[in-house]
Amino acid sequence: VRFQLPPYTLRASGADDSLAPFFEIDDFGKCCVGTCVNTCHSQSWISITDNWLLQKQILKEGQGEETRPTFGQEVTMKLLGVLEDGTIVDRDPKLTFRLGDGDVIKLLEYCAFSMQLDEIALVIS
């Protein structure tokens, strides 16, 4: 998941949309999604919820705490939903929604609230 303010794009300028990589970090596609038991014991994972049912690992730091989105703000995310076996179940290069409107599942809103501008994170639920 990558958070940024609309209407900016995340690809290199002048690149053809059909050829642009989905994420700029090459290793993102190689990330191995483990079980919750494995991630709970890793110090690199951060709990987004109090019960550790939603966790993230920051792959690229954002621009600082002051850039976190607020309730009612419109945000844009690049989203890649992958099952543990590597099957891609959802892919949206420009998912835009207003926080708190209920247009997307709560998981995405929780993730957006926890992220900074330009942060890239692997999220496990």
N, C-alpha and C. Protein backbone atom coordinates (compact mmCIF):
# COMPACT_ATOMS: atom_id res chain seq x y z
N VAL A 1 0.85 -1.16 0.00
CA VAL A 1 0.00 0.00 0.00
C VAL A 1 0.90 1.22 0.00
N ARG A 2 0.60 2.16 -0.83
CA ARG A 2 1.37 3.40 -0.88
C ARG A 2 0.38 4.55 -0.77
N PHE A 3 0.64 5.46 0.14
CA PHE A 3 -0.24 6.61 0.34
C PHE A 3 0.38 7.85 -0.27
N GLN A 4 -0.44 8.61 -0.96
CA GLN A 4 -0.02 9.90 -1.48
C GLN A 4 -1.25 10.78 -1.64
N LEU A 5 -1.03 12.07 -1.69
CA LEU A 5 -2.13 13.00 -1.92
C LEU A 5 -2.46 13.05 -3.39
N PRO A 6 -3.73 13.04 -3.78
CA PRO A 6 -4.07 13.19 -5.18
C PRO A 6 -3.77 14.61 -5.63
N PRO A 7 -3.52 14.93 -6.86
CA PRO A 7 -3.60 14.09 -8.04
C PRO A 7 -2.25 13.62 -8.54
N TYR A 8 -1.23 13.60 -7.70
CA TYR A 8 0.10 13.20 -8.14
C TYR A 8 0.14 11.75 -8.57
N THR A 9 1.05 11.42 -9.51
CA THR A 9 1.26 10.04 -9.90
C THR A 9 2.59 9.58 -9.33
N LEU A 10 2.75 8.26 -9.25
CA LEU A 10 3.93 7.71 -8.61
C LEU A 10 4.93 7.13 -9.59
N ARG A 11 4.71 7.33 -10.86
CA ARG A 11 5.63 6.77 -11.83
C ARG A 11 6.59 7.85 -12.32
N ALA A 12 7.62 7.40 -12.99
CA ALA A 12 8.59 8.35 -13.54
C ALA A 12 7.92 9.17 -14.63
N SER A 13 8.25 10.43 -14.70
CA SER A 13 7.62 11.29 -15.70
C SER A 13 8.00 10.81 -17.10
N GLY A 14 7.03 10.88 -18.00
CA GLY A 14 7.26 10.49 -19.37
C GLY A 14 7.13 8.99 -19.62
N ALA A 15 6.89 8.21 -18.58
CA ALA A 15 6.76 6.76 -18.76
C ALA A 15 5.37 6.42 -19.28
N ASP A 16 5.30 5.40 -20.11
CA ASP A 16 4.04 4.92 -20.63
C ASP A 16 3.31 4.18 -19.52
N ASP A 17 2.02 4.53 -19.26
CA ASP A 17 1.25 3.90 -18.19
C ASP A 17 1.23 2.38 -18.30
N SER A 18 1.13 1.86 -19.51
CA SER A 18 1.05 0.42 -19.68
C SER A 18 2.36 -0.28 -19.36
N LEU A 19 3.46 0.44 -19.39
CA LEU A 19 4.76 -0.16 -19.12
C LEU A 19 5.29 0.19 -17.74
N ALA A 20 4.67 1.15 -17.07
CA ALA A 20 5.17 1.60 -15.77
C ALA A 20 5.00 0.49 -14.73
N PRO A 21 5.99 0.30 -13.90
CA PRO A 21 5.86 -0.71 -12.85
C PRO A 21 4.79 -0.30 -11.85
N PHE A 22 4.14 -1.29 -11.26
CA PHE A 22 3.08 -1.00 -10.30
C PHE A 22 3.64 -0.32 -9.07
N PHE A 23 4.76 -0.76 -8.59
CA PHE A 23 5.43 -0.13 -7.46
C PHE A 23 6.85 0.18 -7.87
N GLU A 24 7.40 1.29 -7.36
CA GLU A 24 8.74 1.69 -7.73
C GLU A 24 9.80 0.86 -7.04
N ILE A 25 9.48 0.23 -5.93
CA ILE A 25 10.45 -0.60 -5.22
C ILE A 25 10.47 -1.98 -5.87
N ASP A 26 11.60 -2.37 -6.44
CA ASP A 26 11.69 -3.64 -7.15
C ASP A 26 11.40 -4.83 -6.27
N ASP A 27 11.81 -4.79 -5.02
CA ASP A 27 11.64 -5.94 -4.13
C ASP A 27 10.22 -6.10 -3.62
N PHE A 28 9.33 -5.14 -3.90
CA PHE A 28 7.99 -5.25 -3.36
C PHE A 28 7.30 -6.52 -3.82
N GLY A 29 7.41 -6.83 -5.08
CA GLY A 29 6.77 -8.02 -5.62
C GLY A 29 7.38 -9.30 -5.08
N LYS A 30 8.57 -9.21 -4.52
CA LYS A 30 9.25 -10.39 -4.00
C LYS A 30 8.98 -10.62 -2.52
N CYS A 31 8.24 -9.70 -1.89
CA CYS A 31 7.97 -9.83 -0.45
C CYS A 31 7.22 -11.13 -0.19
N CYS A 32 7.65 -11.82 0.81
CA CYS A 32 6.99 -13.07 1.18
C CYS A 32 6.03 -12.79 2.32
N VAL A 33 4.77 -13.13 2.12
CA VAL A 33 3.77 -12.93 3.15
C VAL A 33 3.71 -14.18 4.00
N GLY A 34 4.10 -14.07 5.27
CA GLY A 34 4.09 -15.19 6.19
C GLY A 34 2.82 -15.23 7.00
N THR A 35 2.76 -16.15 7.92
CA THR A 35 1.58 -16.26 8.78
C THR A 35 1.64 -15.21 9.87
N CYS A 36 0.52 -14.99 10.51
CA CYS A 36 0.45 -14.00 11.58
C CYS A 36 1.39 -14.37 12.71
N VAL A 37 1.55 -15.65 12.96
CA VAL A 37 2.45 -16.10 14.04
C VAL A 37 3.88 -15.66 13.75
N ASN A 38 4.32 -15.79 12.51
CA ASN A 38 5.68 -15.38 12.14
C ASN A 38 5.87 -13.89 12.26
N THR A 39 4.89 -13.11 11.86
CA THR A 39 5.05 -11.67 11.86
C THR A 39 4.94 -11.08 13.26
N CYS A 40 4.15 -11.69 14.13
CA CYS A 40 3.98 -11.15 15.48
C CYS A 40 5.29 -11.16 16.26
N HIS A 41 6.20 -12.05 15.90
CA HIS A 41 7.46 -12.15 16.62
C HIS A 41 8.57 -11.31 15.99
N SER A 42 8.27 -10.64 14.90
CA SER A 42 9.26 -9.83 14.21
C SER A 42 9.16 -8.38 14.67
N GLN A 43 10.29 -7.78 15.00
CA GLN A 43 10.30 -6.39 15.45
C GLN A 43 10.08 -5.41 14.31
N SER A 44 10.16 -5.88 13.06
CA SER A 44 9.99 -4.98 11.92
C SER A 44 8.52 -4.72 11.61
N TRP A 45 7.60 -5.44 12.26
CA TRP A 45 6.17 -5.27 12.01
C TRP A 45 5.56 -4.37 13.06
N ILE A 46 4.64 -3.50 12.63
CA ILE A 46 3.96 -2.55 13.50
C ILE A 46 2.47 -2.90 13.51
N SER A 47 1.87 -2.96 14.69
CA SER A 47 0.44 -3.23 14.78
C SER A 47 -0.34 -1.95 14.49
N ILE A 48 -1.29 -2.02 13.56
CA ILE A 48 -2.15 -0.89 13.25
C ILE A 48 -3.35 -0.90 14.21
N THR A 49 -3.78 -2.10 14.60
CA THR A 49 -4.88 -2.25 15.56
C THR A 49 -4.33 -2.81 16.87
N ASP A 50 -5.07 -2.62 17.94
CA ASP A 50 -4.61 -3.06 19.26
C ASP A 50 -4.44 -4.58 19.36
N ASN A 51 -5.19 -5.35 18.57
CA ASN A 51 -5.17 -6.80 18.68
C ASN A 51 -4.22 -7.48 17.69
N TRP A 52 -3.40 -6.74 16.98
CA TRP A 52 -2.41 -7.26 16.01
C TRP A 52 -3.06 -7.96 14.82
N LEU A 53 -4.36 -7.77 14.59
CA LEU A 53 -5.00 -8.39 13.43
C LEU A 53 -4.72 -7.64 12.14
N LEU A 54 -4.23 -6.42 12.26
CA LEU A 54 -3.82 -5.63 11.10
C LEU A 54 -2.43 -5.08 11.40
N GLN A 55 -1.45 -5.49 10.59
CA GLN A 55 -0.06 -5.12 10.82
C GLN A 55 0.55 -4.57 9.55
N LYS A 56 1.59 -3.77 9.73
CA LYS A 56 2.30 -3.28 8.54
C LYS A 56 3.80 -3.31 8.79
N GLN A 57 4.50 -3.44 7.69
CA GLN A 57 5.96 -3.35 7.70
C GLN A 57 6.30 -2.22 6.72
N ILE A 58 6.97 -1.20 7.20
CA ILE A 58 7.29 -0.05 6.36
C ILE A 58 8.46 -0.40 5.45
N LEU A 59 8.22 -0.30 4.14
CA LEU A 59 9.26 -0.59 3.15
C LEU A 59 9.99 0.69 2.75
N LYS A 60 9.27 1.83 2.79
CA LYS A 60 9.87 3.14 2.49
C LYS A 60 9.22 4.15 3.43
N GLU A 61 10.03 4.85 4.18
CA GLU A 61 9.53 5.85 5.12
C GLU A 61 8.82 6.98 4.38
N GLY A 62 7.82 7.56 5.03
CA GLY A 62 7.09 8.69 4.47
C GLY A 62 7.78 10.01 4.79
N GLN A 63 7.05 11.09 4.62
CA GLN A 63 7.60 12.44 4.77
C GLN A 63 7.43 13.03 6.16
N GLY A 64 7.00 12.25 7.14
CA GLY A 64 6.91 12.74 8.51
C GLY A 64 5.50 12.70 9.07
N GLU A 65 5.43 12.71 10.40
CA GLU A 65 4.16 12.61 11.11
C GLU A 65 3.14 13.66 10.68
N GLU A 66 3.60 14.85 10.38
CA GLU A 66 2.68 15.93 10.02
C GLU A 66 1.99 15.69 8.68
N THR A 67 2.43 14.69 7.91
CA THR A 67 1.82 14.40 6.60
C THR A 67 0.77 13.30 6.67
N ARG A 68 0.46 12.79 7.88
CA ARG A 68 -0.58 11.77 8.00
C ARG A 68 -1.93 12.38 7.60
N PRO A 69 -2.78 11.60 6.91
CA PRO A 69 -4.08 12.13 6.51
C PRO A 69 -5.02 12.29 7.70
N THR A 70 -6.03 13.11 7.54
CA THR A 70 -7.01 13.36 8.59
C THR A 70 -8.40 12.95 8.11
N PHE A 71 -9.32 12.82 9.05
CA PHE A 71 -10.70 12.45 8.75
C PHE A 71 -11.28 13.42 7.74
N GLY A 72 -11.92 12.90 6.70
CA GLY A 72 -12.53 13.72 5.67
C GLY A 72 -11.61 14.09 4.52
N GLN A 73 -10.32 13.78 4.65
CA GLN A 73 -9.37 14.10 3.59
C GLN A 73 -9.44 13.05 2.48
N GLU A 74 -9.28 13.49 1.24
CA GLU A 74 -9.23 12.57 0.11
C GLU A 74 -7.80 12.05 -0.03
N VAL A 75 -7.66 10.73 -0.14
CA VAL A 75 -6.35 10.11 -0.28
C VAL A 75 -6.35 9.21 -1.51
N THR A 76 -5.16 8.95 -2.01
CA THR A 76 -4.98 8.02 -3.13
C THR A 76 -3.95 6.99 -2.72
N MET A 77 -4.26 5.72 -2.98
CA MET A 77 -3.36 4.62 -2.66
C MET A 77 -3.14 3.78 -3.90
N LYS A 78 -1.96 3.21 -3.98
CA LYS A 78 -1.72 2.13 -4.92
C LYS A 78 -1.89 0.86 -4.10
N LEU A 79 -2.67 -0.08 -4.61
CA LEU A 79 -3.04 -1.25 -3.84
C LEU A 79 -2.75 -2.52 -4.61
N LEU A 80 -2.15 -3.48 -3.93
CA LEU A 80 -1.92 -4.80 -4.50
C LEU A 80 -2.31 -5.81 -3.43
N GLY A 81 -3.41 -6.52 -3.65
CA GLY A 81 -3.89 -7.53 -2.70
C GLY A 81 -3.39 -8.91 -3.10
N VAL A 82 -2.65 -9.56 -2.20
CA VAL A 82 -2.03 -10.85 -2.50
C VAL A 82 -2.34 -11.84 -1.39
N LEU A 83 -2.71 -13.07 -1.76
CA LEU A 83 -2.91 -14.13 -0.78
C LEU A 83 -1.56 -14.70 -0.36
N GLU A 84 -1.55 -15.52 0.70
CA GLU A 84 -0.30 -16.10 1.20
C GLU A 84 0.42 -16.94 0.14
N ASP A 85 -0.34 -17.54 -0.79
CA ASP A 85 0.28 -18.37 -1.82
C ASP A 85 0.79 -17.55 -3.01
N GLY A 86 0.66 -16.22 -2.93
CA GLY A 86 1.15 -15.35 -3.99
C GLY A 86 0.12 -14.96 -5.03
N THR A 87 -1.10 -15.49 -4.93
CA THR A 87 -2.15 -15.16 -5.88
C THR A 87 -2.59 -13.71 -5.70
N ILE A 88 -2.57 -12.95 -6.79
CA ILE A 88 -3.02 -11.56 -6.75
C ILE A 88 -4.54 -11.54 -6.83
N VAL A 89 -5.19 -10.93 -5.82
CA VAL A 89 -6.65 -10.91 -5.78
C VAL A 89 -7.22 -9.51 -6.03
N ASP A 90 -6.40 -8.49 -5.91
CA ASP A 90 -6.86 -7.13 -6.16
C ASP A 90 -5.67 -6.28 -6.56
N ARG A 91 -5.90 -5.39 -7.51
CA ARG A 91 -4.84 -4.50 -7.98
C ARG A 91 -5.49 -3.21 -8.42
N ASP A 92 -5.13 -2.13 -7.77
CA ASP A 92 -5.68 -0.83 -8.14
C ASP A 92 -4.55 0.19 -8.09
N PRO A 93 -4.11 0.67 -9.24
CA PRO A 93 -2.98 1.60 -9.27
C PRO A 93 -3.32 3.01 -8.78
N LYS A 94 -4.61 3.32 -8.63
CA LYS A 94 -4.97 4.66 -8.19
C LYS A 94 -6.34 4.64 -7.50
N LEU A 95 -6.37 4.06 -6.30
CA LEU A 95 -7.59 3.99 -5.51
C LEU A 95 -7.72 5.29 -4.72
N THR A 96 -8.73 6.09 -5.05
CA THR A 96 -8.95 7.37 -4.38
C THR A 96 -10.24 7.31 -3.59
N PHE A 97 -10.19 7.75 -2.32
CA PHE A 97 -11.39 7.77 -1.48
C PHE A 97 -11.22 8.82 -0.40
N ARG A 98 -12.34 9.22 0.19
CA ARG A 98 -12.36 10.20 1.28
C ARG A 98 -12.46 9.44 2.59
N LEU A 99 -11.52 9.70 3.51
CA LEU A 99 -11.48 9.01 4.79
C LEU A 99 -12.73 9.30 5.62
N GLY A 100 -13.39 8.23 6.06
CA GLY A 100 -14.57 8.35 6.90
C GLY A 100 -15.88 8.27 6.16
N ASP A 101 -15.85 8.27 4.82
CA ASP A 101 -17.09 8.21 4.04
C ASP A 101 -17.63 6.79 3.90
N GLY A 102 -16.84 5.78 4.23
CA GLY A 102 -17.29 4.39 4.13
C GLY A 102 -17.29 3.86 2.72
N ASP A 103 -16.56 4.49 1.81
CA ASP A 103 -16.51 4.05 0.42
C ASP A 103 -15.64 2.81 0.22
N VAL A 104 -14.74 2.55 1.17
CA VAL A 104 -13.85 1.40 1.08
C VAL A 104 -13.94 0.61 2.39
N ILE A 105 -13.36 -0.58 2.42
CA ILE A 105 -13.39 -1.37 3.64
C ILE A 105 -12.57 -0.68 4.74
N LYS A 106 -12.94 -0.94 5.97
CA LYS A 106 -12.29 -0.30 7.13
C LYS A 106 -10.79 -0.54 7.13
N LEU A 107 -10.35 -1.71 6.70
CA LEU A 107 -8.93 -2.03 6.66
C LEU A 107 -8.15 -0.96 5.90
N LEU A 108 -8.65 -0.53 4.76
CA LEU A 108 -7.96 0.48 3.96
C LEU A 108 -7.96 1.84 4.67
N GLU A 109 -9.05 2.16 5.35
CA GLU A 109 -9.09 3.43 6.09
C GLU A 109 -8.10 3.39 7.25
N TYR A 110 -8.05 2.29 8.00
CA TYR A 110 -7.09 2.16 9.10
C TYR A 110 -5.66 2.29 8.58
N CYS A 111 -5.39 1.65 7.45
CA CYS A 111 -4.05 1.74 6.85
C CYS A 111 -3.72 3.18 6.48
N ALA A 112 -4.66 3.87 5.83
CA ALA A 112 -4.42 5.25 5.41
C ALA A 112 -4.14 6.15 6.61
N PHE A 113 -4.91 5.99 7.68
CA PHE A 113 -4.70 6.81 8.88
C PHE A 113 -3.33 6.55 9.51
N SER A 114 -2.79 5.35 9.32
CA SER A 114 -1.51 4.99 9.94
C SER A 114 -0.30 5.39 9.10
N MET A 115 -0.54 5.83 7.87
CA MET A 115 0.57 6.08 6.96
C MET A 115 0.90 7.56 6.82
N GLN A 116 2.12 7.81 6.37
CA GLN A 116 2.58 9.16 6.05
C GLN A 116 2.61 9.32 4.53
N LEU A 117 2.63 10.54 4.08
CA LEU A 117 2.71 10.84 2.66
C LEU A 117 3.93 10.16 2.05
N ASP A 118 3.75 9.45 0.93
CA ASP A 118 4.77 8.72 0.18
C ASP A 118 5.31 7.48 0.89
N GLU A 119 4.71 7.08 2.00
CA GLU A 119 5.12 5.84 2.68
C GLU A 119 4.69 4.64 1.84
N ILE A 120 5.52 3.62 1.81
CA ILE A 120 5.17 2.35 1.18
C ILE A 120 5.23 1.29 2.28
N ALA A 121 4.18 0.49 2.40
CA ALA A 121 4.14 -0.51 3.46
C ALA A 121 3.51 -1.79 2.96
N LEU A 122 4.00 -2.90 3.51
CA LEU A 122 3.39 -4.21 3.31
C LEU A 122 2.43 -4.38 4.47
N VAL A 123 1.17 -4.70 4.18
CA VAL A 123 0.14 -4.81 5.20
C VAL A 123 -0.39 -6.23 5.23
N ILE A 124 -0.53 -6.78 6.44
CA ILE A 124 -1.08 -8.12 6.62
C ILE A 124 -2.31 -8.02 7.49
N SER A 125 -3.35 -8.72 7.06
CA SER A 125 -4.59 -8.77 7.83
C SER A 125 -5.00 -10.21 8.03
